[in-house]
Amino acid sequence: MKRTFNHIAGQYRTETSGNVAMMFAICLFFLIGGLALAVDLSNAYSAKQRLQSTTDAIALLAAKDKTLDTNAKVTAAAQALYDATYPGSTGLRINIKDVVRNGDQVTIVSQNNIDTYFSSIFGRSDLDVGVRSTAVFADKAMDIALVLDTTHSMSENNKIGNLKSAANGLLDTFDDLNNDNLRVAVVPFSEYVNVGTSRRNAKWLDVPEDKEVCRMTRDVTSRSNCRRVKRTCTNDGVTSDCSYNQCDKTYGAPYETCRTATWKGCVGSRVGGYDERAVFNGRKIPGLNNVNCATELQTLNKNMTTAKATVSGLRTNHETYIPAGILWGWRTLDESVPLSSNGPNVKKDREKVMIVMTDGENKRSKNGKFHNSRDVRAANAKTDSLCSEAKRDKVTIYTIAYDVNDTTTKTMLNRCASDSSKFFDASNASELNKAFKAIGDALTELRISA
């Protein structure tokens, strides 16, 4: 009996071809089924990720736009967004299952039914994927100072025009928010800042009286032996031909001429370290007679039309002293005198932001109350100090280097920014627009809650 059993077992071991084929067929069936299921599950995972991104985006949109107040409206907006983001996709059947509003918070539950490619062999022709997203939108209380370079170099290659376009695009973004808690100041700068002649009698200003200045002069009665003298001039780093005619001259009798030295709104710097402090504290800021400066600054204002008019009216002249712009940008955001940012119905807990744009390095430096020296290292050190002091005062600083070739200046602007992500190196008009847009997006970003 035992021998018979061993004989049969031996035959079974030696004749296995049919068994192997059957086992291989069974294994192959499960292998193909597993691969098919894996492919469909992978597609479902990708579809869920796309649906999550779309649902996040539509939740943000619904949180901001309260006219999306029904499931049908939100579904239509979600499908339009999905189709625009993933053109040509098929098998997508988005369905907004629920929209729950709770104050500034919106929760959206969505579902997407997708076709399967292989799982139908198991009797499953489609799969459902579902996600949930909650977004919070509330009008931020925010004050923003645009500190804009309007020096002579900005007149080259229509850079001032490009700046106006980019800055006004940012203001359009703010305008679309309809946020009554958002205010904007505009601070144009060159060597000096213009605070406006209407502030002449402000207690924090020390403006000299207008006075008549006289000198002796003589008129030229004749010229001879004229010849062309070649000469090159530089203004704010821009070189130009300023050749002139030189003649032998004959003069008439001398006589006295007089003119009035007036104040045009330009202010200089305080001494003794007070040029690094935003607050008044009883130390008056010097007004400078007979000095020209940039367009008058605009203090914080909710009206974006007013801000856009100020930007559109920018004009260029003179050389660069960046500390002047930063100091007065900081002052527009400060709660105290000289440019108190406090006012009726102003929220105390508000974010303070400064956006500093320049197209070149410091060309001027401080000399007492004037900015007529040329110690670039001193001007850069003053820039560093003011940026540090403003950030210590909880001002968030964004900086933009526009067509700047000087590495030292770009490094300084990077240091000035609150962090490296808030520094933008824009080499042309397109990149300048992108920089302002990125800043606008960052400042108006809605929040997906965890």
Protein backbone atom coordinates (compact mmCIF):
# COMPACT_ATOMS: atom_id res chain seq x y z
CA MET A 1 0.00 0.00 0.00
CA LYS A 2 2.76 2.33 0.97
CA ARG A 3 4.67 1.60 -2.23
CA THR A 4 1.58 2.32 -4.31
CA PHE A 5 1.06 5.70 -2.65
CA ASN A 6 4.72 6.66 -3.20
CA HIS A 7 4.44 5.65 -6.82
CA ILE A 8 1.39 7.84 -7.38
CA ALA A 9 3.02 10.74 -5.58
CA GLY A 10 6.10 10.37 -7.72
CA GLN A 11 4.04 10.50 -10.86
CA TYR A 12 2.31 13.67 -9.63
CA ARG A 13 5.67 15.31 -9.02
CA THR A 14 6.93 14.48 -12.50
CA GLU A 15 3.79 15.38 -14.46
CA THR A 16 3.06 19.01 -13.43
CA SER A 17 2.71 20.84 -16.76
CA GLY A 18 -1.06 21.12 -16.59
CA ASN A 19 -1.04 22.22 -12.96
CA VAL A 20 1.51 24.94 -13.63
CA ALA A 21 -0.54 26.30 -16.50
CA MET A 22 -3.64 26.38 -14.34
CA MET A 23 -1.84 28.05 -11.44
CA PHE A 24 -0.18 30.56 -13.81
CA ALA A 25 -3.57 31.44 -15.28
CA ILE A 26 -5.01 32.03 -11.82
CA CYS A 27 -2.04 34.16 -10.73
CA LEU A 28 -2.08 36.12 -13.96
CA PHE A 29 -5.77 36.90 -13.46
CA PHE A 30 -5.14 38.31 -10.00
CA LEU A 31 -1.98 40.14 -11.17
CA ILE A 32 -3.78 41.86 -14.03
CA GLY A 33 -6.70 42.61 -11.73
CA GLY A 34 -4.34 44.10 -9.15
CA LEU A 35 -2.60 46.24 -11.76
CA ALA A 36 -5.94 47.37 -13.16
CA LEU A 37 -7.14 48.30 -9.70
CA ALA A 38 -3.85 50.12 -8.99
CA VAL A 39 -4.17 52.16 -12.20
CA ASP A 40 -7.74 53.16 -11.38
CA LEU A 41 -6.86 53.96 -7.77
CA SER A 42 -3.95 56.08 -8.99
CA ASN A 43 -6.30 57.94 -11.33
CA ALA A 44 -8.72 58.38 -8.47
CA TYR A 45 -5.96 59.78 -6.25
CA SER A 46 -4.92 62.28 -8.95
CA ALA A 47 -8.56 63.23 -9.48
CA LYS A 48 -8.97 63.76 -5.74
CA GLN A 49 -5.92 66.02 -5.63
CA ARG A 50 -7.27 68.09 -8.52
CA LEU A 51 -10.68 68.20 -6.87
CA GLN A 52 -9.11 69.31 -3.57
CA SER A 53 -7.22 72.14 -5.31
CA THR A 54 -10.39 73.20 -7.12
CA THR A 55 -12.48 72.99 -3.95
CA ASP A 56 -9.89 75.02 -2.02
CA ALA A 57 -9.95 77.67 -4.74
CA ILE A 58 -13.74 77.79 -4.94
CA ALA A 59 -13.98 77.93 -1.13
CA LEU A 60 -11.71 80.97 -1.16
CA LEU A 61 -13.77 82.50 -3.94
CA ALA A 62 -17.03 81.81 -2.14
CA ALA A 63 -15.64 83.20 1.11
CA LYS A 64 -14.78 86.44 -0.67
CA ASP A 65 -17.79 86.62 -3.01
CA LYS A 66 -20.94 86.32 -0.94
CA THR A 67 -23.10 86.33 -4.09
CA LEU A 68 -22.16 82.65 -4.50
CA ASP A 69 -24.89 81.78 -2.03
CA THR A 70 -26.42 78.59 -3.49
CA ASN A 71 -25.08 75.14 -4.30
CA ALA A 72 -25.98 75.64 -7.97
CA LYS A 73 -23.97 78.86 -8.24
CA VAL A 74 -20.99 77.39 -6.42
CA THR A 75 -21.15 74.22 -8.56
CA ALA A 76 -21.20 76.26 -11.77
CA ALA A 77 -18.25 78.38 -10.56
CA ALA A 78 -16.35 75.23 -9.52
CA GLN A 79 -16.93 73.52 -12.87
CA ALA A 80 -15.84 76.66 -14.77
CA LEU A 81 -12.71 76.91 -12.65
CA TYR A 82 -11.99 73.19 -13.11
CA ASP A 83 -12.47 73.38 -16.88
CA ALA A 84 -10.17 76.42 -17.13
CA THR A 85 -7.49 74.82 -14.94
CA TYR A 86 -7.62 71.35 -16.53
CA PRO A 87 -8.77 71.89 -20.12
CA GLY A 88 -9.60 68.79 -22.12
CA SER A 89 -10.22 66.58 -19.10
CA THR A 90 -12.95 63.96 -19.46
CA GLY A 91 -15.10 61.92 -17.13
CA LEU A 92 -15.46 64.82 -14.67
CA ARG A 93 -18.77 65.26 -12.93
CA ILE A 94 -18.25 67.76 -10.14
CA ASN A 95 -21.05 68.07 -7.64
CA ILE A 96 -21.08 70.49 -4.73
CA LYS A 97 -22.75 68.48 -2.00
CA ASP A 98 -22.89 71.17 0.65
CA VAL A 99 -22.06 74.86 1.23
CA VAL A 100 -22.05 76.03 4.85
CA ARG A 101 -21.49 79.67 5.73
CA ASN A 102 -20.61 80.65 9.27
CA GLY A 103 -19.73 84.34 9.39
CA ASP A 104 -16.45 84.82 7.50
CA GLN A 105 -15.97 81.03 7.24
CA VAL A 106 -17.21 78.94 4.33
CA THR A 107 -17.08 75.14 4.19
CA ILE A 108 -17.61 73.34 0.89
CA VAL A 109 -18.06 69.58 0.44
CA SER A 110 -17.61 68.43 -3.14
CA GLN A 111 -17.66 65.14 -5.03
CA ASN A 112 -16.29 64.03 -8.37
CA ASN A 113 -17.44 60.87 -10.14
CA ILE A 114 -14.74 59.52 -12.47
CA ASP A 115 -14.80 56.74 -15.05
CA THR A 116 -12.63 53.66 -14.48
CA TYR A 117 -10.52 52.09 -17.20
CA PHE A 118 -9.96 48.55 -15.95
CA SER A 119 -12.04 48.02 -12.86
CA SER A 120 -15.11 47.40 -14.99
CA ILE A 121 -13.91 43.79 -15.31
CA PHE A 122 -14.88 43.53 -11.66
CA GLY A 123 -18.22 45.18 -12.34
CA ARG A 124 -17.14 48.73 -11.29
CA SER A 125 -17.43 51.32 -14.10
CA ASP A 126 -16.87 54.47 -12.02
CA LEU A 127 -15.49 55.74 -8.72
CA ASP A 128 -16.61 58.54 -6.37
CA VAL A 129 -14.05 60.83 -4.77
CA GLY A 130 -15.02 63.45 -2.21
CA VAL A 131 -13.23 66.30 -0.40
CA ARG A 132 -13.98 69.08 2.08
CA SER A 133 -12.47 72.57 2.23
CA THR A 134 -12.96 75.42 4.69
CA ALA A 135 -11.87 78.97 3.87
CA VAL A 136 -11.84 82.07 6.02
CA PHE A 137 -12.01 85.59 4.66
CA ALA A 138 -12.14 88.73 6.73
CA ASP A 139 -11.22 92.27 5.76
CA LYS A 140 -7.76 92.86 7.19
CA ALA A 141 -7.11 96.14 8.94
CA MET A 142 -4.03 97.22 6.99
CA ASP A 143 -2.05 100.38 6.28
CA ILE A 144 0.29 100.30 3.28
CA ALA A 145 2.92 102.88 2.31
CA LEU A 146 4.16 102.90 -1.29
CA VAL A 147 7.67 104.39 -1.18
CA LEU A 148 8.52 105.10 -4.81
CA ASP A 149 11.76 106.26 -6.43
CA THR A 150 11.13 109.29 -8.67
CA THR A 151 14.74 110.29 -9.29
CA HIS A 152 16.16 111.41 -12.62
CA SER A 153 17.21 107.89 -13.64
CA MET A 154 13.54 106.85 -13.61
CA SER A 155 13.04 109.08 -16.68
CA GLU A 156 15.11 106.67 -18.79
CA ASN A 157 13.37 104.10 -21.02
CA ASN A 158 9.95 105.13 -19.68
CA LYS A 159 10.70 103.54 -16.31
CA ILE A 160 8.47 106.07 -14.57
CA GLY A 161 5.61 105.09 -16.90
CA ASN A 162 6.19 101.41 -16.13
CA LEU A 163 6.19 102.18 -12.41
CA LYS A 164 2.90 104.07 -12.67
CA SER A 165 1.31 101.15 -14.50
CA ALA A 166 2.56 98.52 -12.03
CA ALA A 167 1.71 100.53 -8.91
CA ASN A 168 -1.75 101.42 -10.19
CA GLY A 169 -2.32 97.73 -10.95
CA LEU A 170 -1.62 97.03 -7.28
CA LEU A 171 -4.03 99.78 -6.27
CA ASP A 172 -6.69 98.25 -8.55
CA THR A 173 -6.26 94.98 -6.63
CA PHE A 174 -6.81 96.82 -3.35
CA ASP A 175 -9.79 98.68 -4.80
CA ASP A 176 -11.49 95.42 -5.80
CA LEU A 177 -11.41 94.26 -2.18
CA ASN A 178 -13.86 96.96 -1.06
CA ASN A 179 -12.09 96.85 2.29
CA ASP A 180 -12.92 99.86 4.45
CA ASN A 181 -10.10 98.87 6.79
CA LEU A 182 -7.39 99.22 4.12
CA ARG A 183 -5.57 102.52 3.63
CA VAL A 184 -2.72 103.48 1.32
CA ALA A 185 -0.09 106.23 1.50
CA VAL A 186 2.17 107.25 -1.41
CA VAL A 187 5.66 108.59 -0.67
CA PRO A 188 7.64 109.72 -3.73
CA PHE A 189 11.32 110.42 -3.00
CA SER A 190 14.52 111.64 -4.63
CA GLU A 191 17.14 113.58 -2.62
CA TYR A 192 14.36 114.89 -0.39
CA VAL A 193 10.68 114.27 0.32
CA ASN A 194 7.94 116.84 -0.26
CA VAL A 195 5.51 117.07 2.69
CA GLY A 196 3.43 119.82 1.04
CA THR A 197 3.44 123.58 1.56
CA SER A 198 0.06 123.38 3.32
CA ARG A 199 1.92 122.01 6.36
CA ARG A 200 4.17 125.04 6.66
CA ASN A 201 2.84 126.03 10.07
CA ALA A 202 2.75 122.52 11.54
CA LYS A 203 4.22 122.40 15.04
CA TRP A 204 6.70 119.70 14.02
CA LEU A 205 8.21 121.74 11.17
CA ASP A 206 10.86 124.43 11.25
CA VAL A 207 10.51 126.37 8.00
CA PRO A 208 12.54 129.57 7.48
CA GLU A 209 10.70 132.69 6.47
CA ASP A 210 10.72 133.51 2.79
CA LYS A 211 13.37 136.12 2.21
CA GLU A 212 14.67 138.23 -0.61
CA VAL A 213 18.11 137.28 -1.86
CA CYS A 214 19.98 139.88 -3.90
CA ARG A 215 23.20 139.78 -5.89
CA MET A 216 25.10 141.86 -8.40
CA THR A 217 24.98 140.80 -12.04
CA ARG A 218 25.98 142.07 -15.51
CA ASP A 219 24.40 141.54 -18.87
CA VAL A 220 26.39 140.32 -21.86
CA THR A 221 26.40 143.01 -24.53
CA SER A 222 28.35 141.13 -27.21
CA ARG A 223 29.95 137.76 -28.02
CA SER A 224 32.85 136.79 -30.27
CA ASN A 225 35.20 133.89 -31.04
CA CYS A 226 32.55 131.30 -30.11
CA ARG A 227 33.56 127.61 -30.12
CA ARG A 228 31.96 124.33 -29.07
CA VAL A 229 33.22 122.81 -25.81
CA LYS A 230 32.50 119.12 -25.41
CA ARG A 231 31.30 118.06 -21.98
CA THR A 232 29.65 115.03 -20.38
CA CYS A 233 27.34 115.34 -17.36
CA THR A 234 26.01 112.74 -14.93
CA ASN A 235 22.72 113.03 -13.05
CA ASP A 236 21.64 110.20 -10.75
CA GLY A 237 23.96 107.82 -12.59
CA VAL A 238 22.64 108.81 -16.01
CA THR A 239 25.29 110.18 -18.38
CA SER A 240 24.32 112.74 -21.00
CA ASP A 241 25.94 115.16 -23.44
CA CYS A 242 25.96 118.67 -22.06
CA SER A 243 28.35 120.32 -24.51
CA TYR A 244 28.06 124.10 -24.73
CA ASN A 245 29.19 127.12 -26.71
CA GLN A 246 31.96 129.17 -25.14
CA CYS A 247 32.46 132.75 -26.36
CA ASP A 248 34.54 135.78 -25.52
CA LYS A 249 32.05 138.14 -23.89
CA THR A 250 31.67 141.85 -23.37
CA TYR A 251 29.67 142.92 -20.32
CA GLY A 252 27.64 145.97 -19.46
CA ALA A 253 27.54 147.82 -16.15
CA PRO A 254 26.78 145.78 -13.00
CA TYR A 255 23.43 146.05 -11.29
CA GLU A 256 21.56 144.35 -8.48
CA THR A 257 18.94 141.61 -9.01
CA CYS A 258 16.76 140.13 -6.28
CA ARG A 259 14.56 137.07 -5.94
CA THR A 260 12.61 135.49 -3.12
CA ALA A 261 13.87 132.26 -1.57
CA THR A 262 10.71 130.28 -0.83
CA TRP A 263 9.81 126.96 0.73
CA LYS A 264 8.49 124.40 -1.80
CA GLY A 265 7.54 121.67 0.66
CA CYS A 266 10.94 119.96 0.84
CA VAL A 267 12.25 118.72 4.17
CA GLY A 268 15.72 117.71 5.27
CA SER A 269 16.99 115.58 8.15
CA ARG A 270 17.25 116.19 11.86
CA VAL A 271 20.67 115.85 13.47
CA GLY A 272 21.92 113.97 16.53
CA GLY A 273 20.49 110.62 15.48
CA TYR A 274 16.92 111.93 15.28
CA ASP A 275 16.96 111.22 11.54
CA GLU A 276 16.45 107.56 12.46
CA ARG A 277 13.28 108.16 14.48
CA ALA A 278 9.79 108.45 13.08
CA VAL A 279 8.27 110.29 16.05
CA PHE A 280 8.39 114.05 16.59
CA ASN A 281 9.24 114.14 20.32
CA GLY A 282 9.66 117.92 20.23
CA ARG A 283 12.59 117.91 17.78
CA LYS A 284 11.46 119.89 14.76
CA ILE A 285 12.10 118.70 11.20
CA PRO A 286 13.88 121.28 9.02
CA GLY A 287 12.13 122.73 6.00
CA LEU A 288 14.56 123.73 3.25
CA ASN A 289 14.07 127.00 1.39
CA ASN A 290 14.81 127.26 -2.31
CA VAL A 291 15.16 123.47 -2.71
CA ASN A 292 13.24 121.40 -5.25
CA CYS A 293 12.00 117.88 -4.49
CA ALA A 294 9.62 115.13 -5.55
CA THR A 295 5.84 115.09 -5.90
CA GLU A 296 4.05 115.80 -2.61
CA LEU A 297 3.46 112.71 -0.49
CA GLN A 298 -0.04 111.46 0.17
CA THR A 299 -0.88 110.34 3.68
CA LEU A 300 -3.01 107.27 4.41
CA ASN A 301 -6.30 107.27 2.51
CA LYS A 302 -9.05 104.69 1.97
CA ASN A 303 -9.81 106.13 -1.46
CA MET A 304 -7.81 104.21 -4.05
CA THR A 305 -8.82 106.74 -6.73
CA THR A 306 -6.92 109.38 -4.77
CA ALA A 307 -3.88 107.12 -4.47
CA LYS A 308 -3.97 106.31 -8.19
CA ALA A 309 -4.13 110.01 -9.04
CA THR A 310 -1.03 110.62 -6.91
CA VAL A 311 0.83 107.78 -8.62
CA SER A 312 -0.25 108.96 -12.07
CA GLY A 313 1.07 112.44 -11.29
CA LEU A 314 4.59 111.34 -10.34
CA ARG A 315 7.39 113.32 -11.96
CA THR A 316 11.12 112.67 -12.02
CA ASN A 317 14.05 114.83 -10.97
CA HIS A 318 17.24 114.93 -8.88
CA GLU A 319 19.36 112.15 -7.38
CA THR A 320 18.80 109.25 -4.99
CA TYR A 321 18.75 109.28 -1.20
CA ILE A 322 16.80 106.17 -0.19
CA PRO A 323 16.76 106.89 3.60
CA ALA A 324 14.51 109.90 3.02
CA GLY A 325 11.86 107.73 1.38
CA ILE A 326 12.03 104.99 4.02
CA LEU A 327 11.83 107.44 6.93
CA TRP A 328 8.76 109.22 5.56
CA GLY A 329 7.14 105.96 4.51
CA TRP A 330 7.54 104.81 8.10
CA ARG A 331 6.12 108.11 9.34
CA THR A 332 2.95 107.70 7.29
CA LEU A 333 2.35 104.41 9.14
CA ASP A 334 3.23 105.69 12.60
CA GLU A 335 0.47 106.54 15.09
CA SER A 336 2.16 109.69 16.38
CA VAL A 337 3.09 113.15 15.08
CA PRO A 338 4.20 114.24 12.50
CA LEU A 339 1.88 112.20 10.25
CA SER A 340 -0.37 110.49 12.74
CA SER A 341 -2.00 107.44 11.20
CA ASN A 342 -4.71 107.48 13.85
CA GLY A 343 -8.11 108.76 12.90
CA PRO A 344 -11.84 108.22 13.38
CA ASN A 345 -13.03 104.61 13.05
CA VAL A 346 -9.49 103.28 12.63
CA LYS A 347 -8.88 99.82 14.07
CA LYS A 348 -5.98 99.79 16.49
CA ASP A 349 -4.90 96.24 15.69
CA ARG A 350 -3.84 96.75 12.08
CA GLU A 351 -0.98 95.51 9.95
CA LYS A 352 1.63 98.05 8.82
CA VAL A 353 3.30 97.45 5.46
CA MET A 354 5.91 99.40 3.51
CA ILE A 355 6.72 98.70 -0.15
CA VAL A 356 10.02 100.31 -1.22
CA MET A 357 10.89 100.53 -4.93
CA THR A 358 14.11 102.01 -6.29
CA ASP A 359 15.96 101.79 -9.59
CA GLY A 360 19.45 102.55 -8.35
CA GLU A 361 21.99 103.02 -5.62
CA ASN A 362 22.27 105.93 -3.20
CA LYS A 363 23.93 108.87 -4.95
CA ARG A 364 23.59 111.40 -2.13
CA SER A 365 24.23 111.30 1.61
CA LYS A 366 23.42 113.38 4.67
CA ASN A 367 25.31 116.59 5.45
CA GLY A 368 23.77 118.15 8.53
CA LYS A 369 20.14 118.86 7.63
CA PHE A 370 20.89 118.67 3.90
CA HIS A 371 21.38 115.64 1.66
CA ASN A 372 24.04 117.13 -0.60
CA SER A 373 27.11 114.99 0.17
CA ARG A 374 28.24 111.94 -1.82
CA ASP A 375 29.28 109.39 0.82
CA VAL A 376 27.50 106.31 -0.56
CA ARG A 377 28.69 104.06 2.27
CA ALA A 378 27.20 106.44 4.84
CA ALA A 379 23.89 106.57 2.92
CA ASN A 380 23.78 102.76 2.74
CA ALA A 381 24.46 102.48 6.47
CA LYS A 382 21.65 104.97 7.13
CA THR A 383 19.35 102.87 4.93
CA ASP A 384 20.21 99.75 6.94
CA SER A 385 19.53 101.53 10.23
CA LEU A 386 16.16 102.88 9.14
CA CYS A 387 15.02 99.52 7.79
CA SER A 388 15.98 97.88 11.09
CA GLU A 389 14.17 100.53 13.14
CA ALA A 390 11.01 100.32 11.04
CA LYS A 391 10.95 96.52 11.30
CA ARG A 392 11.46 96.83 15.04
CA ASP A 393 8.31 98.96 14.99
CA LYS A 394 6.47 95.95 13.46
CA VAL A 395 6.42 97.33 9.92
CA THR A 396 6.50 94.57 7.29
CA ILE A 397 8.83 95.70 4.50
CA TYR A 398 8.78 94.59 0.85
CA THR A 399 11.56 95.86 -1.42
CA ILE A 400 11.83 95.98 -5.21
CA ALA A 401 15.09 96.56 -7.10
CA TYR A 402 14.00 97.76 -10.54
CA ASP A 403 16.68 97.49 -13.23
CA VAL A 404 19.42 97.75 -10.58
CA ASN A 405 22.86 96.56 -11.64
CA ASP A 406 24.71 97.41 -8.44
CA THR A 407 25.17 94.26 -6.34
CA THR A 408 25.75 96.22 -3.12
CA THR A 409 22.40 97.98 -3.50
CA LYS A 410 20.52 94.76 -4.24
CA THR A 411 22.09 93.10 -1.20
CA MET A 412 21.10 96.11 0.91
CA LEU A 413 17.49 95.96 -0.33
CA ASN A 414 17.40 92.23 0.42
CA ARG A 415 18.51 92.99 3.99
CA CYS A 416 15.92 95.74 4.24
CA ALA A 417 13.04 93.39 3.38
CA SER A 418 11.39 91.59 6.30
CA ASP A 419 12.62 88.32 4.81
CA SER A 420 14.20 87.21 1.53
CA SER A 421 10.81 86.22 0.06
CA LYS A 422 9.80 89.88 0.29
CA PHE A 423 12.69 91.11 -1.89
CA PHE A 424 12.10 91.28 -5.65
CA ASP A 425 14.77 91.77 -8.31
CA ALA A 426 12.91 93.09 -11.36
CA SER A 427 15.08 93.66 -14.42
CA ASN A 428 12.32 94.96 -16.73
CA ALA A 429 8.76 96.27 -16.86
CA SER A 430 7.21 92.80 -17.02
CA GLU A 431 9.06 91.66 -13.91
CA LEU A 432 8.15 94.91 -12.14
CA ASN A 433 4.47 94.17 -12.81
CA LYS A 434 4.94 90.63 -11.52
CA ALA A 435 6.63 91.92 -8.36
CA PHE A 436 3.77 94.30 -7.53
CA LYS A 437 1.23 91.57 -8.35
CA ALA A 438 3.00 89.06 -6.10
CA ILE A 439 2.99 91.58 -3.27
CA GLY A 440 -0.70 92.30 -3.85
CA ASP A 441 -1.50 88.58 -3.83
CA ALA A 442 0.45 88.11 -0.60
CA LEU A 443 -1.30 91.01 1.13
CA THR A 444 -4.80 90.01 0.02
CA GLU A 445 -4.37 86.24 0.36
CA LEU A 446 -7.33 84.36 1.79
CA ARG A 447 -6.77 81.53 4.21
CA ILE A 448 -7.62 77.84 3.99
CA SER A 449 -8.20 76.68 7.54
CA ALA A 450 -6.59 73.48 8.76
